[in-house]
């Protein structure tokens, strides 16, 4: 019984994805076809088509799982402890100083190797 439900649901999902594909294709072709029209009208039409296509895509199983993923990701982002301004400034300064020291060291090694090669060559 469960496989019949999944099969019917899967077939309906395929139809929904085809409708989404047709809507996106219509937007692309319509934008090209009506290129002489105002950009504002074309953008508004594309936004309407995108909202409709997105809503239809969210009705599929993959769309529902994507929406759940986005919801869970937002919840996880809210749990993150972001650094304070002072911590951010201190960490940035440490990185800048380290990069400058490494740049000077690499410049010195490069100059030394260049000097040695010029002595050997000539």
PDB file of N, CA and C in Angstrom:
ATOM      1  N   UNK A   1       0.816  -1.191   0.000  1.00  0.00           N
ATOM      2  CA  UNK A   1       0.000   0.000   0.000  1.00  0.00           C
ATOM      3  C   UNK A   1       0.859   1.252   0.000  1.00  0.00           C
ATOM      4  N   UNK A   2       1.916   1.244   0.803  1.00  0.00           N
ATOM      5  CA  UNK A   2       2.784   2.402   0.920  1.00  0.00           C
ATOM      6  C   UNK A   2       3.499   2.687  -0.401  1.00  0.00           C
ATOM      7  N   UNK A   3       3.877   1.635  -1.133  1.00  0.00           N
ATOM      8  CA  UNK A   3       4.575   1.854  -2.400  1.00  0.00           C
ATOM      9  C   UNK A   3       3.653   2.490  -3.427  1.00  0.00           C
ATOM     10  N   UNK A   4       2.344   2.181  -3.354  1.00  0.00           N
ATOM     11  CA  UNK A   4       1.399   2.809  -4.279  1.00  0.00           C
ATOM     12  C   UNK A   4       1.267   4.297  -3.985  1.00  0.00           C
ATOM     13  N   UNK A   5       1.265   4.642  -2.719  1.00  0.00           N
ATOM     14  CA  UNK A   5       1.172   6.051  -2.340  1.00  0.00           C
ATOM     15  C   UNK A   5       2.418   6.793  -2.795  1.00  0.00           C
ATOM     16  N   UNK A   6       3.599   6.199  -2.583  1.00  0.00           N
ATOM     17  CA  UNK A   6       4.839   6.838  -3.015  1.00  0.00           C
ATOM     18  C   UNK A   6       4.890   6.960  -4.526  1.00  0.00           C
ATOM     19  N   UNK A   7       4.396   5.946  -5.245  1.00  0.00           N
ATOM     20  CA  UNK A   7       4.413   5.989  -6.707  1.00  0.00           C
ATOM     21  C   UNK A   7       3.515   7.109  -7.221  1.00  0.00           C
ATOM     22  N   UNK A   8       2.303   7.214  -6.643  1.00  0.00           N
ATOM     23  CA  UNK A   8       1.400   8.282  -7.057  1.00  0.00           C
ATOM     24  C   UNK A   8       1.936   9.647  -6.693  1.00  0.00           C
ATOM     25  N   UNK A   9       2.532   9.744  -5.527  1.00  0.00           N
ATOM     26  CA  UNK A   9       3.108  11.004  -5.073  1.00  0.00           C
ATOM     27  C   UNK A   9       4.298  11.383  -5.940  1.00  0.00           C
ATOM     28  N   UNK A  10       5.098  10.382  -6.310  1.00  0.00           N
ATOM     29  CA  UNK A  10       6.266  10.632  -7.147  1.00  0.00           C
ATOM     30  C   UNK A  10       5.846  11.103  -8.536  1.00  0.00           C
ATOM     31  N   UNK A  11       4.789  10.500  -9.087  1.00  0.00           N
ATOM     32  CA  UNK A  11       4.309  10.924 -10.401  1.00  0.00           C
ATOM     33  C   UNK A  11       3.790  12.352 -10.342  1.00  0.00           C
ATOM     34  N   UNK A  12       3.111  12.688  -9.262  1.00  0.00           N
ATOM     35  CA  UNK A  12       2.622  14.056  -9.109  1.00  0.00           C
ATOM     36  C   UNK A  12       3.784  15.035  -8.953  1.00  0.00           C
ATOM     37  N   UNK A  13       4.837  14.613  -8.257  1.00  0.00           N
ATOM     38  CA  UNK A  13       6.026  15.460  -8.126  1.00  0.00           C
ATOM     39  C   UNK A  13       6.671  15.722  -9.480  1.00  0.00           C
ATOM     40  N   UNK A  14       6.717  14.702 -10.329  1.00  0.00           N
ATOM     41  CA  UNK A  14       7.294  14.884 -11.667  1.00  0.00           C
ATOM     42  C   UNK A  14       6.489  15.909 -12.446  1.00  0.00           C
ATOM     43  N   UNK A  15       5.167  15.831 -12.341  1.00  0.00           N
ATOM     44  CA  UNK A  15       4.313  16.805 -13.032  1.00  0.00           C
ATOM     45  C   UNK A  15       4.565  18.206 -12.485  1.00  0.00           C
ATOM     46  N   UNK A  16       4.700  18.321 -11.173  1.00  0.00           N
ATOM     47  CA  UNK A  16       4.966  19.633 -10.571  1.00  0.00           C
ATOM     48  C   UNK A  16       6.298  20.193 -11.044  1.00  0.00           C
ATOM     49  N   UNK A  17       7.335  19.343 -11.114  1.00  0.00           N
ATOM     50  CA  UNK A  17       8.632  19.816 -11.594  1.00  0.00           C
ATOM     51  C   UNK A  17       8.563  20.208 -13.064  1.00  0.00           C
ATOM     52  N   UNK A  18       7.760  19.512 -13.856  1.00  0.00           N
ATOM     53  CA  UNK A  18       7.579  19.903 -15.258  1.00  0.00           C
ATOM     54  C   UNK A  18       6.903  21.272 -15.360  1.00  0.00           C
ATOM     55  N   UNK A  19       5.920  21.517 -14.490  1.00  0.00           N
ATOM     56  CA  UNK A  19       5.261  22.826 -14.477  1.00  0.00           C
ATOM     57  C   UNK A  19       6.261  23.910 -14.086  1.00  0.00           C
ATOM     58  N   UNK A  20       7.096  23.633 -13.107  1.00  0.00           N
ATOM     59  CA  UNK A  20       8.133  24.592 -12.708  1.00  0.00           C
ATOM     60  C   UNK A  20       9.071  24.869 -13.882  1.00  0.00           C
ATOM     61  N   UNK A  21       9.483  23.808 -14.570  1.00  0.00           N
ATOM     62  CA  UNK A  21      10.372  23.974 -15.723  1.00  0.00           C
ATOM     63  C   UNK A  21       9.707  24.803 -16.815  1.00  0.00           C
ATOM     64  N   UNK A  22       8.432  24.554 -17.069  1.00  0.00           N
ATOM     65  CA  UNK A  22       7.702  25.317 -18.094  1.00  0.00           C
ATOM     66  C   UNK A  22       7.605  26.783 -17.676  1.00  0.00           C
ATOM     67  N   UNK A  23       7.341  27.049 -16.410  1.00  0.00           N
ATOM     68  CA  UNK A  23       7.249  28.440 -15.950  1.00  0.00           C
ATOM     69  C   UNK A  23       8.583  29.172 -16.087  1.00  0.00           C
ATOM     70  N   UNK A  24       9.669  28.504 -15.713  1.00  0.00           N
ATOM     71  CA  UNK A  24      10.992  29.130 -15.833  1.00  0.00           C
ATOM     72  C   UNK A  24      11.327  29.350 -17.309  1.00  0.00           C
ATOM     73  N   UNK A  25      11.034  28.363 -18.139  1.00  0.00           N
ATOM     74  CA  UNK A  25      11.286  28.506 -19.580  1.00  0.00           C
ATOM     75  C   UNK A  25      10.448  29.634 -20.167  1.00  0.00           C
ATOM     76  N   UNK A  26       9.193  29.729 -19.740  1.00  0.00           N
ATOM     77  CA  UNK A  26       8.332  30.816 -20.220  1.00  0.00           C
ATOM     78  C   UNK A  26       8.900  32.168 -19.808  1.00  0.00           C
ATOM     79  N   UNK A  27       9.463  32.240 -18.621  1.00  0.00           N
ATOM     80  CA  UNK A  27      10.070  33.493 -18.187  1.00  0.00           C
ATOM     81  C   UNK A  27      11.263  33.879 -19.032  1.00  0.00           C
ATOM     82  N   UNK A  28      12.111  32.904 -19.335  1.00  0.00           N
ATOM     83  CA  UNK A  28      13.297  33.182 -20.144  1.00  0.00           C
ATOM     84  C   UNK A  28      12.894  33.580 -21.560  1.00  0.00           C
ATOM     85  N   UNK A  29      12.007  32.798 -22.168  1.00  0.00           N
ATOM     86  CA  UNK A  29      11.578  33.092 -23.541  1.00  0.00           C
ATOM     87  C   UNK A  29      10.800  34.408 -23.581  1.00  0.00           C
ATOM     88  N   UNK A  30       9.913  34.623 -22.611  1.00  0.00           N
ATOM     89  CA  UNK A  30       9.142  35.865 -22.579  1.00  0.00           C
ATOM     90  C   UNK A  30      10.023  37.085 -22.386  1.00  0.00           C
ATOM     91  N   UNK A  31      11.050  36.971 -21.563  1.00  0.00           N
ATOM     92  CA  UNK A  31      11.973  38.081 -21.367  1.00  0.00           C
ATOM     93  C   UNK A  31      12.696  38.414 -22.670  1.00  0.00           C
ATOM     94  N   UNK A  32      13.049  37.400 -23.416  1.00  0.00           N
ATOM     95  CA  UNK A  32      13.713  37.626 -24.701  1.00  0.00           C
ATOM     96  C   UNK A  32      12.720  38.189 -25.719  1.00  0.00           C
ATOM     97  N   UNK A  33      11.519  37.625 -25.763  1.00  0.00           N
ATOM     98  CA  UNK A  33      10.516  38.018 -26.752  1.00  0.00           C
ATOM     99  C   UNK A  33      10.052  39.458 -26.531  1.00  0.00           C
ATOM    100  N   UNK A  34       9.887  39.845 -25.282  1.00  0.00           N
ATOM    101  CA  UNK A  34       9.416  41.187 -24.957  1.00  0.00           C
ATOM    102  C   UNK A  34      10.567  42.118 -24.574  1.00  0.00           C
ATOM    103  N   UNK A  35      11.699  41.959 -25.214  1.00  0.00           N
ATOM    104  CA  UNK A  35      12.875  42.773 -24.873  1.00  0.00           C
ATOM    105  C   UNK A  35      12.673  44.258 -25.158  1.00  0.00           C
ATOM    106  N   UNK A  36      11.706  44.591 -26.025  1.00  0.00           N
ATOM    107  CA  UNK A  36      11.444  46.003 -26.329  1.00  0.00           C
ATOM    108  C   UNK A  36      10.597  46.663 -25.251  1.00  0.00           C
ATOM    109  N   UNK A  37       9.952  45.872 -24.405  1.00  0.00           N
ATOM    110  CA  UNK A  37       9.113  46.433 -23.341  1.00  0.00           C
ATOM    111  C   UNK A  37       9.981  47.002 -22.227  1.00  0.00           C
ATOM    112  N   UNK A  38       9.343  47.707 -21.331  1.00  0.00           N
ATOM    113  CA  UNK A  38      10.042  48.328 -20.209  1.00  0.00           C
ATOM    114  C   UNK A  38      10.672  47.259 -19.320  1.00  0.00           C
ATOM    115  N   UNK A  39      11.845  47.562 -18.820  1.00  0.00           N
ATOM    116  CA  UNK A  39      12.555  46.627 -17.949  1.00  0.00           C
ATOM    117  C   UNK A  39      11.764  46.370 -16.672  1.00  0.00           C
ATOM    118  N   UNK A  40      11.088  47.376 -16.171  1.00  0.00           N
ATOM    119  CA  UNK A  40      10.297  47.233 -14.954  1.00  0.00           C
ATOM    120  C   UNK A  40       9.224  46.158 -15.126  1.00  0.00           C
ATOM    121  N   UNK A  41       8.504  46.202 -16.242  1.00  0.00           N
ATOM    122  CA  UNK A  41       7.442  45.217 -16.473  1.00  0.00           C
ATOM    123  C   UNK A  41       8.015  43.811 -16.619  1.00  0.00           C
ATOM    124  N   UNK A  42       9.138  43.701 -17.297  1.00  0.00           N
ATOM    125  CA  UNK A  42       9.746  42.382 -17.470  1.00  0.00           C
ATOM    126  C   UNK A  42      10.231  41.827 -16.137  1.00  0.00           C
ATOM    127  N   UNK A  43      10.827  42.674 -15.303  1.00  0.00           N
ATOM    128  CA  UNK A  43      11.301  42.219 -13.993  1.00  0.00           C
ATOM    129  C   UNK A  43      10.122  41.806 -13.116  1.00  0.00           C
ATOM    130  N   UNK A  44       9.060  42.598 -13.126  1.00  0.00           N
ATOM    131  CA  UNK A  44       7.878  42.244 -12.338  1.00  0.00           C
ATOM    132  C   UNK A  44       7.276  40.917 -12.802  1.00  0.00           C
ATOM    133  N   UNK A  45       7.204  40.714 -14.115  1.00  0.00           N
ATOM    134  CA  UNK A  45       6.675  39.456 -14.642  1.00  0.00           C
ATOM    135  C   UNK A  45       7.570  38.282 -14.239  1.00  0.00           C
ATOM    136  N   UNK A  46       8.880  38.477 -14.309  1.00  0.00           N
ATOM    137  CA  UNK A  46       9.803  37.409 -13.908  1.00  0.00           C
ATOM    138  C   UNK A  46       9.689  37.113 -12.420  1.00  0.00           C
ATOM    139  N   UNK A  47       9.507  38.142 -11.599  1.00  0.00           N
ATOM    140  CA  UNK A  47       9.339  37.918 -10.163  1.00  0.00           C
ATOM    141  C   UNK A  47       8.063  37.140  -9.864  1.00  0.00           C
ATOM    142  N   UNK A  48       6.978  37.485 -10.560  1.00  0.00           N
ATOM    143  CA  UNK A  48       5.721  36.762 -10.362  1.00  0.00           C
ATOM    144  C   UNK A  48       5.890  35.303 -10.770  1.00  0.00           C
ATOM    145  N   UNK A  49       6.500  35.057 -11.926  1.00  0.00           N
ATOM    146  CA  UNK A  49       6.734  33.677 -12.366  1.00  0.00           C
ATOM    147  C   UNK A  49       7.644  32.931 -11.400  1.00  0.00           C
ATOM    148  N   UNK A  50       8.655  33.615 -10.870  1.00  0.00           N
ATOM    149  CA  UNK A  50       9.573  32.963  -9.936  1.00  0.00           C
ATOM    150  C   UNK A  50       8.857  32.593  -8.642  1.00  0.00           C
ATOM    151  N   UNK A  51       7.993  33.465  -8.151  1.00  0.00           N
ATOM    152  CA  UNK A  51       7.255  33.165  -6.921  1.00  0.00           C
ATOM    153  C   UNK A  51       6.312  31.984  -7.143  1.00  0.00           C
ATOM    154  N   UNK A  52       5.612  31.970  -8.271  1.00  0.00           N
ATOM    155  CA  UNK A  52       4.708  30.861  -8.564  1.00  0.00           C
ATOM    156  C   UNK A  52       5.484  29.554  -8.722  1.00  0.00           C
ATOM    157  N   UNK A  53       6.600  29.601  -9.465  1.00  0.00           N
ATOM    158  CA  UNK A  53       7.410  28.397  -9.660  1.00  0.00           C
ATOM    159  C   UNK A  53       7.993  27.922  -8.328  1.00  0.00           C
ATOM    160  N   UNK A  54       8.447  28.847  -7.500  1.00  0.00           N
ATOM    161  CA  UNK A  54       8.985  28.475  -6.190  1.00  0.00           C
ATOM    162  C   UNK A  54       7.929  27.855  -5.295  1.00  0.00           C
ATOM    163  N   UNK A  55       6.724  28.413  -5.328  1.00  0.00           N
ATOM    164  CA  UNK A  55       5.643  27.865  -4.518  1.00  0.00           C
ATOM    165  C   UNK A  55       5.290  26.452  -4.972  1.00  0.00           C
ATOM    166  N   UNK A  56       5.237  26.240  -6.280  1.00  0.00           N
ATOM    167  CA  UNK A  56       4.939  24.901  -6.797  1.00  0.00           C
ATOM    168  C   UNK A  56       6.072  23.942  -6.447  1.00  0.00           C
ATOM    169  N   UNK A  57       7.314  24.391  -6.561  1.00  0.00           N
ATOM    170  CA  UNK A  57       8.455  23.521  -6.234  1.00  0.00           C
ATOM    171  C   UNK A  57       8.450  23.149  -4.757  1.00  0.00           C
ATOM    172  N   UNK A  58       8.002  24.050  -3.897  1.00  0.00           N
ATOM    173  CA  UNK A  58       7.950  23.749  -2.469  1.00  0.00           C
ATOM    174  C   UNK A  58       6.852  22.745  -2.116  1.00  0.00           C
ATOM    175  N   UNK A  59       5.943  22.469  -3.028  1.00  0.00           N
ATOM    176  CA  UNK A  59       4.889  21.487  -2.791  1.00  0.00           C
ATOM    177  C   UNK A  59       5.360  20.060  -3.047  1.00  0.00           C
ATOM    178  N   UNK A  60       6.553  19.882  -3.640  1.00  0.00           N
ATOM    179  CA  UNK A  60       7.085  18.547  -3.911  1.00  0.00           C
ATOM    180  C   UNK A  60       7.814  18.027  -2.673  1.00  0.00           C
ATOM    181  N   UNK A  61       8.153  16.746  -2.700  1.00  0.00           N
ATOM    182  CA  UNK A  61       8.881  16.150  -1.575  1.00  0.00           C
ATOM    183  C   UNK A  61      10.259  16.789  -1.416  1.00  0.00           C
ATOM    184  N   UNK A  62      10.973  16.962  -2.523  1.00  0.00           N
ATOM    185  CA  UNK A  62      12.296  17.588  -2.453  1.00  0.00           C
ATOM    186  C   UNK A  62      12.186  19.042  -2.015  1.00  0.00           C
ATOM    187  N   UNK A  63      11.151  19.715  -2.437  1.00  0.00           N
ATOM    188  CA  UNK A  63      10.931  21.097  -2.013  1.00  0.00           C
ATOM    189  C   UNK A  63      10.656  21.198  -0.521  1.00  0.00           C
ATOM    190  N   UNK A  64       9.860  20.257  -0.010  1.00  0.00           N
ATOM    191  CA  UNK A  64       9.570  20.251   1.422  1.00  0.00           C
ATOM    192  C   UNK A  64      10.823  19.953   2.234  1.00  0.00           C
ATOM    193  N   UNK A  65      11.646  19.018   1.733  1.00  0.00           N
ATOM    194  CA  UNK A  65      12.890  18.719   2.456  1.00  0.00           C
ATOM    195  C   UNK A  65      13.857  19.895   2.384  1.00  0.00           C
ATOM    196  N   UNK A  66      13.862  20.637   1.275  1.00  0.00           N
ATOM    197  CA  UNK A  66      14.701  21.824   1.167  1.00  0.00           C
ATOM    198  C   UNK A  66      14.237  22.908   2.136  1.00  0.00           C
ATOM    199  N   UNK A  67      12.924  23.085   2.236  1.00  0.00           N
ATOM    200  CA  UNK A  67      12.390  24.079   3.172  1.00  0.00           C
ATOM    201  C   UNK A  67      12.743  23.697   4.608  1.00  0.00           C
ATOM    202  N   UNK A  68      12.689  22.406   4.919  1.00  0.00           N
ATOM    203  CA  UNK A  68      13.066  21.951   6.267  1.00  0.00           C
ATOM    204  C   UNK A  68      14.547  22.206   6.513  1.00  0.00           C
ATOM    205  N   UNK A  69      15.372  21.969   5.511  1.00  0.00           N
ATOM    206  CA  UNK A  69      16.806  22.236   5.635  1.00  0.00           C
ATOM    207  C   UNK A  69      17.071  23.712   5.908  1.00  0.00           C
ATOM    208  N   UNK A  70      16.397  24.585   5.185  1.00  0.00           N
ATOM    209  CA  UNK A  70      16.579  26.023   5.391  1.00  0.00           C
ATOM    210  C   UNK A  70      16.134  26.430   6.792  1.00  0.00           C
ATOM    211  N   UNK A  71      15.026  25.876   7.247  1.00  0.00           N
ATOM    212  CA  UNK A  71      14.535  26.189   8.592  1.00  0.00           C
ATOM    213  C   UNK A  71      15.539  25.738   9.651  1.00  0.00           C
ATOM    214  N   UNK A  72      16.069  24.520   9.498  1.00  0.00           N
ATOM    215  CA  UNK A  72      17.051  24.009  10.455  1.00  0.00           C
ATOM    216  C   UNK A  72      18.345  24.822  10.406  1.00  0.00           C
ATOM    217  N   UNK A  73      18.745  25.244   9.214  1.00  0.00           N
ATOM    218  CA  UNK A  73      19.965  26.047   9.088  1.00  0.00           C
ATOM    219  C   UNK A  73      19.802  27.397   9.786  1.00  0.00           C
ATOM    220  N   UNK A  74      18.634  28.000   9.640  1.00  0.00           N
ATOM    221  CA  UNK A  74      18.381  29.278  10.324  1.00  0.00           C
ATOM    222  C   UNK A  74      18.416  29.092  11.832  1.00  0.00           C
ATOM    223  N   UNK A  75      17.883  27.977  12.309  1.00  0.00           N
ATOM    224  CA  UNK A  75      17.906  27.709  13.751  1.00  0.00           C
ATOM    225  C   UNK A  75      19.336  27.526  14.237  1.00  0.00           C
ATOM    226  N   UNK A  76      20.169  26.851  13.450  1.00  0.00           N
ATOM    227  CA  UNK A  76      21.568  26.653  13.834  1.00  0.00           C
ATOM    228  C   UNK A  76      22.347  27.968  13.809  1.00  0.00           C
ATOM    229  N   UNK A  77      22.048  28.821  12.843  1.00  0.00           N
ATOM    230  CA  UNK A  77      22.736  30.119  12.766  1.00  0.00           C
ATOM    231  C   UNK A  77      22.417  30.962  13.999  1.00  0.00           C
ATOM    232  N   UNK A  78      21.200  30.847  14.489  1.00  0.00           N
ATOM    233  CA  UNK A  78      20.823  31.604  15.692  1.00  0.00           C
ATOM    234  C   UNK A  78      21.562  31.103  16.925  1.00  0.00           C
ATOM    235  N   UNK A  79      22.039  29.859  16.904  1.00  0.00           N
ATOM    236  CA  UNK A  79      22.754  29.297  18.048  1.00  0.00           C
ATOM    237  C   UNK A  79      24.225  29.709  18.079  1.00  0.00           C
ATOM    238  N   UNK A  80      24.733  30.231  16.974  1.00  0.00           N
ATOM    239  CA  UNK A  80      26.147  30.580  16.887  1.00  0.00           C
ATOM    240  C   UNK A  80      26.445  31.750  17.810  1.00  0.00           C
ATOM    241  N   UNK A  81      27.567  31.666  18.521  1.00  0.00           N
ATOM    242  CA  UNK A  81      28.017  32.764  19.368  1.00  0.00           C
ATOM    243  C   UNK A  81      28.989  33.593  18.532  1.00  0.00           C
ATOM    244  N   UNK A  82      28.547  34.770  18.114  1.00  0.00           N
ATOM    245  CA  UNK A  82      29.357  35.618  17.260  1.00  0.00           C
ATOM    246  C   UNK A  82      30.355  36.390  18.121  1.00  0.00           C
ATOM    247  N   UNK A  83      31.566  36.656  17.573  1.00  0.00           N
ATOM    248  CA  UNK A  83      32.565  37.384  18.364  1.00  0.00           C
ATOM    249  C   UNK A  83      32.150  38.839  18.586  1.00  0.00           C
ATOM    250  N   UNK A  84      32.664  39.387  19.686  1.00  0.00           N
ATOM    251  CA  UNK A  84      32.398  40.799  19.952  1.00  0.00           C
ATOM    252  C   UNK A  84      33.282  41.647  19.039  1.00  0.00           C
ATOM    253  N   UNK A  85      33.028  42.934  19.030  1.00  0.00           N
ATOM    254  CA  UNK A  85      33.816  43.830  18.180  1.00  0.00           C
ATOM    255  C   UNK A  85      35.283  43.822  18.610  1.00  0.00           C
ATOM    256  N   UNK A  86      35.538  43.788  19.908  1.00  0.00           N
ATOM    257  CA  UNK A  86      36.914  43.775  20.410  1.00  0.00           C
ATOM    258  C   UNK A  86      37.623  42.485  19.987  1.00  0.00           C
ATOM    259  N   UNK A  87      36.964  41.348  20.139  1.00  0.00           N
ATOM    260  CA  UNK A  87      37.578  40.078  19.724  1.00  0.00           C
ATOM    261  C   UNK A  87      37.862  40.074  18.236  1.00  0.00           C
ATOM    262  N   UNK A  88      36.939  40.593  17.448  1.00  0.00           N
ATOM    263  CA  UNK A  88      37.114  40.647  16.003  1.00  0.00           C
ATOM    264  C   UNK A  88      38.298  41.536  15.632  1.00  0.00           C
ATOM    265  N   UNK A  89      38.412  42.692  16.267  1.00  0.00           N
ATOM    266  CA  UNK A  89      39.521  43.607  15.994  1.00  0.00           C
ATOM    267  C   UNK A  89      40.856  42.985  16.380  1.00  0.00           C
ATOM    268  N   UNK A  90      40.917  42.358  17.542  1.00  0.00           N
ATOM    269  CA  UNK A  90      42.168  41.741  17.979  1.00  0.00           C
ATOM    270  C   UNK A  90      42.585  40.604  17.048  1.00  0.00           C
ATOM    271  N   UNK A  91      41.649  39.773  16.665  1.00  0.00           N
ATOM    272  CA  UNK A  91      41.968  38.664  15.764  1.00  0.00           C
ATOM    273  C   UNK A  91      42.422  39.181  14.405  1.00  0.00           C
ATOM    274  N   UNK A  92      41.770  40.211  13.912  1.00  0.00           N
ATOM    275  CA  UNK A  92      42.163  40.794  12.626  1.00  0.00           C
ATOM    276  C   UNK A  92      43.573  41.359  12.691  1.00  0.00           C
ATOM    277  N   UNK A  93      43.897  42.042  13.775  1.00  0.00           N
ATOM    278  CA  UNK A  93      45.238  42.617  13.916  1.00  0.00           C
ATOM    279  C   UNK A  93      46.297  41.513  13.995  1.00  0.00           C
ATOM    280  N   UNK A  94      46.004  40.423  14.685  1.00  0.00           N
ATOM    281  CA  UNK A  94      46.955  39.303  14.758  1.00  0.00           C
ATOM    282  C   UNK A  94      47.209  38.742  13.369  1.00  0.00           C
ATOM    283  N   UNK A  95      46.153  38.579  12.587  1.00  0.00           N
ATOM    284  CA  UNK A  95      46.303  38.049  11.230  1.00  0.00           C
ATOM    285  C   UNK A  95      47.106  39.008  10.364  1.00  0.00           C
ATOM    286  N   UNK A  96      46.825  40.305  10.447  1.00  0.00           N
ATOM    287  CA  UNK A  96      47.557  41.291   9.639  1.00  0.00           C
ATOM    288  C   UNK A  96      49.034  41.289  10.003  1.00  0.00           C
ATOM    289  N   UNK A  97      49.361  41.275  11.292  1.00  0.00           N
ATOM    290  CA  UNK A  97      50.765  41.269  11.728  1.00  0.00           C
ATOM    291  C   UNK A  97      51.451  39.996  11.246  1.00  0.00           C
ATOM    292  N   UNK A  98      50.794  38.853  11.385  1.00  0.00           N
ATOM    293  CA  UNK A  98      51.387  37.592  10.937  1.00  0.00           C
ATOM    294  C   UNK A  98      51.642  37.602   9.434  1.00  0.00           C
ATOM    295  N   UNK A  99      50.707  38.120   8.661  1.00  0.00           N
ATOM    296  CA  UNK A  99      50.886  38.194   7.207  1.00  0.00           C
ATOM    297  C   UNK A  99      52.056  39.098   6.858  1.00  0.00           C
ATOM    298  N   UNK A 100      52.184  40.238   7.529  1.00  0.00           N
ATOM    299  CA  UNK A 100      53.308  41.140   7.264  1.00  0.00           C
ATOM    300  C   UNK A 100      54.645  40.484   7.610  1.00  0.00           C
ATOM    301  N   UNK A 101      54.721  39.791   8.743  1.00  0.00           N
ATOM    302  CA  UNK A 101      55.970  39.108   9.122  1.00  0.00           C
ATOM    303  C   UNK A 101      56.328  38.042   8.102  1.00  0.00           C
ATOM    304  N   UNK A 102      55.341  37.255   7.682  1.00  0.00           N
ATOM    305  CA  UNK A 102      55.619  36.210   6.688  1.00  0.00           C
ATOM    306  C   UNK A 102      56.026  36.829   5.351  1.00  0.00           C
ATOM    307  N   UNK A 103      55.411  37.936   4.969  1.00  0.00           N
ATOM    308  CA  UNK A 103      55.778  38.592   3.712  1.00  0.00           C
ATOM    309  C   UNK A 103      57.214  39.076   3.769  1.00  0.00           C
ATOM    310  N   UNK A 104      57.628  39.665   4.883  1.00  0.00           N
ATOM    311  CA  UNK A 104      59.009  40.121   5.024  1.00  0.00           C
ATOM    312  C   UNK A 104      59.989  38.948   5.001  1.00  0.00           C
ATOM    313  N   UNK A 105      59.611  37.840   5.663  1.00  0.00           N
ATOM    314  CA  UNK A 105      60.490  36.665   5.659  1.00  0.00           C
ATOM    315  C   UNK A 105      60.629  36.094   4.245  1.00  0.00           C
ATOM    316  N   UNK A 106      59.521  35.975   3.520  1.00  0.00           N
ATOM    317  CA  UNK A 106      59.590  35.450   2.153  1.00  0.00           C
ATOM    318  C   UNK A 106      60.343  36.396   1.237  1.00  0.00           C
ATOM    319  N   UNK A 107      60.188  37.718   1.432  1.00  0.00           N
ATOM    320  CA  UNK A 107      60.937  38.681   0.630  1.00  0.00           C
ATOM    321  C   UNK A 107      62.434  38.524   0.898  1.00  0.00           C
ATOM    322  N   UNK A 108      62.798  38.330   2.171  1.00  0.00           N
ATOM    323  CA  UNK A 108      64.209  38.137   2.514  1.00  0.00           C
ATOM    324  C   UNK A 108      64.773  36.861   1.915  1.00  0.00           C
ATOM    325  N   UNK A 109      64.039  35.762   2.000  1.00  0.00           N
ATOM    326  CA  UNK A 109      64.511  34.503   1.415  1.00  0.00           C
ATOM    327  C   UNK A 109      64.626  34.630  -0.099  1.00  0.00           C
ATOM    328  N   UNK A 110      63.650  35.286  -0.734  1.00  0.00           N
ATOM    329  CA  UNK A 110      63.698  35.479  -2.182  1.00  0.00           C
ATOM    330  C   UNK A 110      64.896  36.329  -2.582  1.00  0.00           C
ATOM    331  N   UNK A 111      65.147  37.393  -1.838  1.00  0.00           N
ATOM    332  CA  UNK A 111      66.303  38.254  -2.135  1.00  0.00           C
ATOM    333  C   UNK A 111      67.607  37.493  -1.959  1.00  0.00           C
ATOM    334  N   UNK A 112      67.706  36.678  -0.910  1.00  0.00           N
ATOM    335  CA  UNK A 112      68.912  35.890  -0.662  1.00  0.00           C
ATOM    336  C   UNK A 112      69.152  34.881  -1.780  1.00  0.00           C
ATOM    337  N   UNK A 113      68.108  34.181  -2.175  1.00  0.00           N
ATOM    338  CA  UNK A 113      68.260  33.202  -3.255  1.00  0.00           C
ATOM    339  C   UNK A 113      68.613  33.910  -4.559  1.00  0.00           C
ATOM    340  N   UNK A 114      67.980  35.052  -4.828  1.00  0.00           N
ATOM    341  CA  UNK A 114      68.315  35.812  -6.038  1.00  0.00           C
ATOM    342  C   UNK A 114      69.764  36.276  -6.026  1.00  0.00           C
ATOM    343  N   UNK A 115      70.246  36.708  -4.885  1.00  0.00           N
ATOM    344  CA  UNK A 115      71.638  37.159  -4.762  1.00  0.00           C
ATOM    345  C   UNK A 115      72.597  35.983  -4.976  1.00  0.00           C
ATOM    346  N   UNK A 116      72.289  34.816  -4.401  1.00  0.00           N
ATOM    347  CA  UNK A 116      73.153  33.633  -4.559  1.00  0.00           C
ATOM    348  C   UNK A 116      73.176  33.195  -6.022  1.00  0.00           C
ATOM    349  N   UNK A 117      72.022  33.183  -6.677  1.00  0.00           N
ATOM    350  CA  UNK A 117      71.956  32.772  -8.083  1.00  0.00           C
ATOM    351  C   UNK A 117      72.751  33.753  -8.943  1.00  0.00           C
ATOM    352  N   UNK A 118      72.653  35.047  -8.670  1.00  0.00           N
ATOM    353  CA  UNK A 118      73.422  36.026  -9.465  1.00  0.00           C
ATOM    354  C   UNK A 118      74.918  35.855  -9.248  1.00  0.00           C
ATOM    355  N   UNK A 119      75.359  35.444  -8.049  1.00  0.00           N
ATOM    356  CA  UNK A 119      76.790  35.170  -7.814  1.00  0.00           C
ATOM    357  C   UNK A 119      77.246  33.957  -8.609  1.00  0.00           C
ATOM    358  N   UNK A 120      76.423  32.910  -8.646  1.00  0.00           N
ATOM    359  CA  UNK A 120      76.774  31.685  -9.349  1.00  0.00           C
ATOM    360  C   UNK A 120      76.783  31.924 -10.850  1.00  0.00           C
ATOM    361  N   UNK A 121      75.798  32.600 -11.364  1.00  0.00           N
ATOM    362  CA  UNK A 121      75.704  32.823 -12.826  1.00  0.00           C
ATOM    363  C   UNK A 121      76.736  33.852 -13.274  1.00  0.00           C
ATOM    364  N   UNK A 122      76.893  34.842 -12.481  1.00  0.00           N
ATOM    365  CA  UNK A 122      77.784  35.728 -12.936  1.00  0.00           C
ATOM    366  C   UNK A 122      78.415  36.902 -12.889  1.00  0.00           C
TER     367      UNK A 122
END
